[in-house]
Amino acid sequence: MPMSHDLAPLVQRIRTLLEQRGADPTMPLLTAMEHTLTDGYARALELEGERLRLERRIGDLAHRLDGPEQADELRDLAERLRSADDDLASLRDALAPLQQCVDAARAAA
């Protein structure tokens, strides 16, 4: 599933950190992972907020749909909602193994 261009650098950072992990991550690497998790979860919250706003707008617009301009806006909002859903799923898929890695490193410490 394609992700937005603004999300790609964060997901790449996550992948890079996962590639660098070892059986015993160093403290700087663990710190970088924790900061990246924080950034990732913050971005996930932003996406969830965006989804809620889009859903509300779609609901409002659907109740008073009466012209081609509103139908066009409704299609645009639906596409943006699908994109936000895809981005959120991609981000969550990337964050899960990083969270597991951090949890394992903390448990081993």
C-alpha atoms as a PDB file:
ATOM      1  CA  MET A   1       0.000   0.000   0.000  1.00  0.00           C
ATOM      2  CA  PRO A   2       1.528   3.338  -0.993  1.00  0.00           C
ATOM      3  CA  MET A   3       2.198   5.881   1.730  1.00  0.00           C
ATOM      4  CA  SER A   4       2.312   9.637   1.614  1.00  0.00           C
ATOM      5  CA  HIS A   5       5.629  11.278   0.885  1.00  0.00           C
ATOM      6  CA  ASP A   6       5.779  12.959   4.297  1.00  0.00           C
ATOM      7  CA  LEU A   7       5.509   9.588   6.047  1.00  0.00           C
ATOM      8  CA  ALA A   8       8.155   7.823   3.965  1.00  0.00           C
ATOM      9  CA  PRO A   9      11.200   9.326   5.761  1.00  0.00           C
ATOM     10  CA  LEU A  10       9.868   8.268   9.174  1.00  0.00           C
ATOM     11  CA  VAL A  11       9.171   4.707   7.999  1.00  0.00           C
ATOM     12  CA  GLN A  12      12.619   4.565   6.401  1.00  0.00           C
ATOM     13  CA  ARG A  13      14.177   5.731   9.680  1.00  0.00           C
ATOM     14  CA  ILE A  14      12.345   2.913  11.472  1.00  0.00           C
ATOM     15  CA  ARG A  15      13.565   0.350   8.929  1.00  0.00           C
ATOM     16  CA  THR A  16      17.144   1.610   9.218  1.00  0.00           C
ATOM     17  CA  LEU A  17      17.056   1.318  13.006  1.00  0.00           C
ATOM     18  CA  LEU A  18      15.689  -2.208  12.778  1.00  0.00           C
ATOM     19  CA  GLU A  19      18.482  -3.149  10.380  1.00  0.00           C
ATOM     20  CA  GLN A  20      21.065  -1.749  12.826  1.00  0.00           C
ATOM     21  CA  ARG A  21      19.777  -3.563  15.877  1.00  0.00           C
ATOM     22  CA  GLY A  22      21.842  -6.318  17.340  1.00  0.00           C
ATOM     23  CA  ALA A  23      21.360  -8.870  20.050  1.00  0.00           C
ATOM     24  CA  ASP A  24      22.556  -6.241  22.533  1.00  0.00           C
ATOM     25  CA  PRO A  25      21.646  -2.748  21.242  1.00  0.00           C
ATOM     26  CA  THR A  26      23.938   0.015  22.372  1.00  0.00           C
ATOM     27  CA  MET A  27      22.520   2.831  24.463  1.00  0.00           C
ATOM     28  CA  PRO A  28      22.718   5.406  21.621  1.00  0.00           C
ATOM     29  CA  LEU A  29      20.866   3.032  19.306  1.00  0.00           C
ATOM     30  CA  LEU A  30      18.246   2.296  21.953  1.00  0.00           C
ATOM     31  CA  THR A  31      17.811   6.037  22.561  1.00  0.00           C
ATOM     32  CA  ALA A  32      17.405   6.610  18.808  1.00  0.00           C
ATOM     33  CA  MET A  33      14.815   3.838  18.688  1.00  0.00           C
ATOM     34  CA  GLU A  34      12.889   5.344  21.603  1.00  0.00           C
ATOM     35  CA  HIS A  35      12.915   8.799  19.995  1.00  0.00           C
ATOM     36  CA  THR A  36      11.755   7.326  16.705  1.00  0.00           C
ATOM     37  CA  LEU A  37       8.947   5.480  18.484  1.00  0.00           C
ATOM     38  CA  THR A  38       7.881   8.759  20.063  1.00  0.00           C
ATOM     39  CA  ASP A  39       7.929  10.471  16.664  1.00  0.00           C
ATOM     40  CA  GLY A  40       6.032   7.575  15.116  1.00  0.00           C
ATOM     41  CA  TYR A  41       3.331   7.478  17.764  1.00  0.00           C
ATOM     42  CA  ALA A  42       2.959  11.269  17.554  1.00  0.00           C
ATOM     43  CA  ARG A  43       2.479  10.984  13.790  1.00  0.00           C
ATOM     44  CA  ALA A  44      -0.036   8.161  14.310  1.00  0.00           C
ATOM     45  CA  LEU A  45      -2.039  10.407  16.637  1.00  0.00           C
ATOM     46  CA  GLU A  46      -1.988  13.161  14.008  1.00  0.00           C
ATOM     47  CA  LEU A  47      -3.285  10.708  11.404  1.00  0.00           C
ATOM     48  CA  GLU A  48      -6.031   9.517  13.737  1.00  0.00           C
ATOM     49  CA  GLY A  49      -7.061  13.120  14.343  1.00  0.00           C
ATOM     50  CA  GLU A  50      -7.080  13.782  10.614  1.00  0.00           C
ATOM     51  CA  ARG A  51      -9.231  10.684  10.081  1.00  0.00           C
ATOM     52  CA  LEU A  52     -11.757  11.875  12.664  1.00  0.00           C
ATOM     53  CA  ARG A  53     -11.975  15.329  11.065  1.00  0.00           C
ATOM     54  CA  LEU A  54     -12.448  13.787   7.622  1.00  0.00           C
ATOM     55  CA  GLU A  55     -15.126  11.400   8.885  1.00  0.00           C
ATOM     56  CA  ARG A  56     -17.018  14.266  10.522  1.00  0.00           C
ATOM     57  CA  ARG A  57     -16.810  16.367   7.362  1.00  0.00           C
ATOM     58  CA  ILE A  58     -17.973  13.446   5.231  1.00  0.00           C
ATOM     59  CA  GLY A  59     -20.937  12.913   7.560  1.00  0.00           C
ATOM     60  CA  ASP A  60     -21.849  16.607   7.514  1.00  0.00           C
ATOM     61  CA  LEU A  61     -21.552  16.803   3.742  1.00  0.00           C
ATOM     62  CA  ALA A  62     -23.514  13.584   3.159  1.00  0.00           C
ATOM     63  CA  HIS A  63     -26.478  15.014   5.106  1.00  0.00           C
ATOM     64  CA  ARG A  64     -26.769  18.034   2.836  1.00  0.00           C
ATOM     65  CA  LEU A  65     -25.509  16.694  -0.487  1.00  0.00           C
ATOM     66  CA  ASP A  66     -27.359  18.587  -3.200  1.00  0.00           C
ATOM     67  CA  GLY A  67     -24.991  19.486  -5.996  1.00  0.00           C
ATOM     68  CA  PRO A  68     -22.071  18.365  -8.140  1.00  0.00           C
ATOM     69  CA  GLU A  69     -19.591  20.519  -6.193  1.00  0.00           C
ATOM     70  CA  GLN A  70     -20.489  18.754  -2.982  1.00  0.00           C
ATOM     71  CA  ALA A  71     -20.299  15.353  -4.671  1.00  0.00           C
ATOM     72  CA  ASP A  72     -16.790  16.242  -5.878  1.00  0.00           C
ATOM     73  CA  GLU A  73     -15.808  17.332  -2.383  1.00  0.00           C
ATOM     74  CA  LEU A  74     -17.249  14.114  -0.953  1.00  0.00           C
ATOM     75  CA  ARG A  75     -15.165  12.028  -3.384  1.00  0.00           C
ATOM     76  CA  ASP A  76     -12.064  14.048  -2.468  1.00  0.00           C
ATOM     77  CA  LEU A  77     -12.692  13.584   1.248  1.00  0.00           C
ATOM     78  CA  ALA A  78     -13.246   9.847   0.778  1.00  0.00           C
ATOM     79  CA  GLU A  79      -9.926   9.570  -1.075  1.00  0.00           C
ATOM     80  CA  ARG A  80      -8.147  11.517   1.661  1.00  0.00           C
ATOM     81  CA  LEU A  81      -9.698   9.220   4.270  1.00  0.00           C
ATOM     82  CA  ARG A  82      -8.477   6.132   2.381  1.00  0.00           C
ATOM     83  CA  SER A  83      -5.020   7.670   2.165  1.00  0.00           C
ATOM     84  CA  ALA A  84      -4.971   8.430   5.899  1.00  0.00           C
ATOM     85  CA  ASP A  85      -6.108   4.859   6.620  1.00  0.00           C
ATOM     86  CA  ASP A  86      -3.330   3.460   4.421  1.00  0.00           C
ATOM     87  CA  ASP A  87      -0.721   5.725   6.039  1.00  0.00           C
ATOM     88  CA  LEU A  88      -1.859   4.776   9.519  1.00  0.00           C
ATOM     89  CA  ALA A  89      -1.733   1.047   8.698  1.00  0.00           C
ATOM     90  CA  SER A  90       1.752   1.392   7.172  1.00  0.00           C
ATOM     91  CA  LEU A  91       2.994   3.330  10.159  1.00  0.00           C
ATOM     92  CA  ARG A  92       1.568   0.859  12.655  1.00  0.00           C
ATOM     93  CA  ASP A  93       3.105  -2.033  10.696  1.00  0.00           C
ATOM     94  CA  ALA A  94       6.495  -0.311  10.877  1.00  0.00           C
ATOM     95  CA  LEU A  95       6.213   0.680  14.545  1.00  0.00           C
ATOM     96  CA  ALA A  96       5.244  -2.750  15.900  1.00  0.00           C
ATOM     97  CA  PRO A  97       8.614  -4.480  15.346  1.00  0.00           C
ATOM     98  CA  LEU A  98      10.492  -1.413  16.588  1.00  0.00           C
ATOM     99  CA  GLN A  99       8.393  -1.423  19.768  1.00  0.00           C
ATOM    100  CA  GLN A 100       9.131  -5.138  20.226  1.00  0.00           C
ATOM    101  CA  CYS A 101      12.840  -4.491  19.778  1.00  0.00           C
ATOM    102  CA  VAL A 102      12.833  -1.692  22.350  1.00  0.00           C
ATOM    103  CA  ASP A 103      10.798  -3.797  24.802  1.00  0.00           C
ATOM    104  CA  ALA A 104      13.250  -6.700  24.424  1.00  0.00           C
ATOM    105  CA  ALA A 105      16.255  -4.397  24.933  1.00  0.00           C
ATOM    106  CA  ARG A 106      14.707  -2.916  28.066  1.00  0.00           C
ATOM    107  CA  ALA A 107      13.902  -6.367  29.451  1.00  0.00           C
ATOM    108  CA  ALA A 108      17.485  -7.503  28.843  1.00  0.00           C
ATOM    109  CA  ALA A 109      18.955  -4.462  30.578  1.00  0.00           C
END
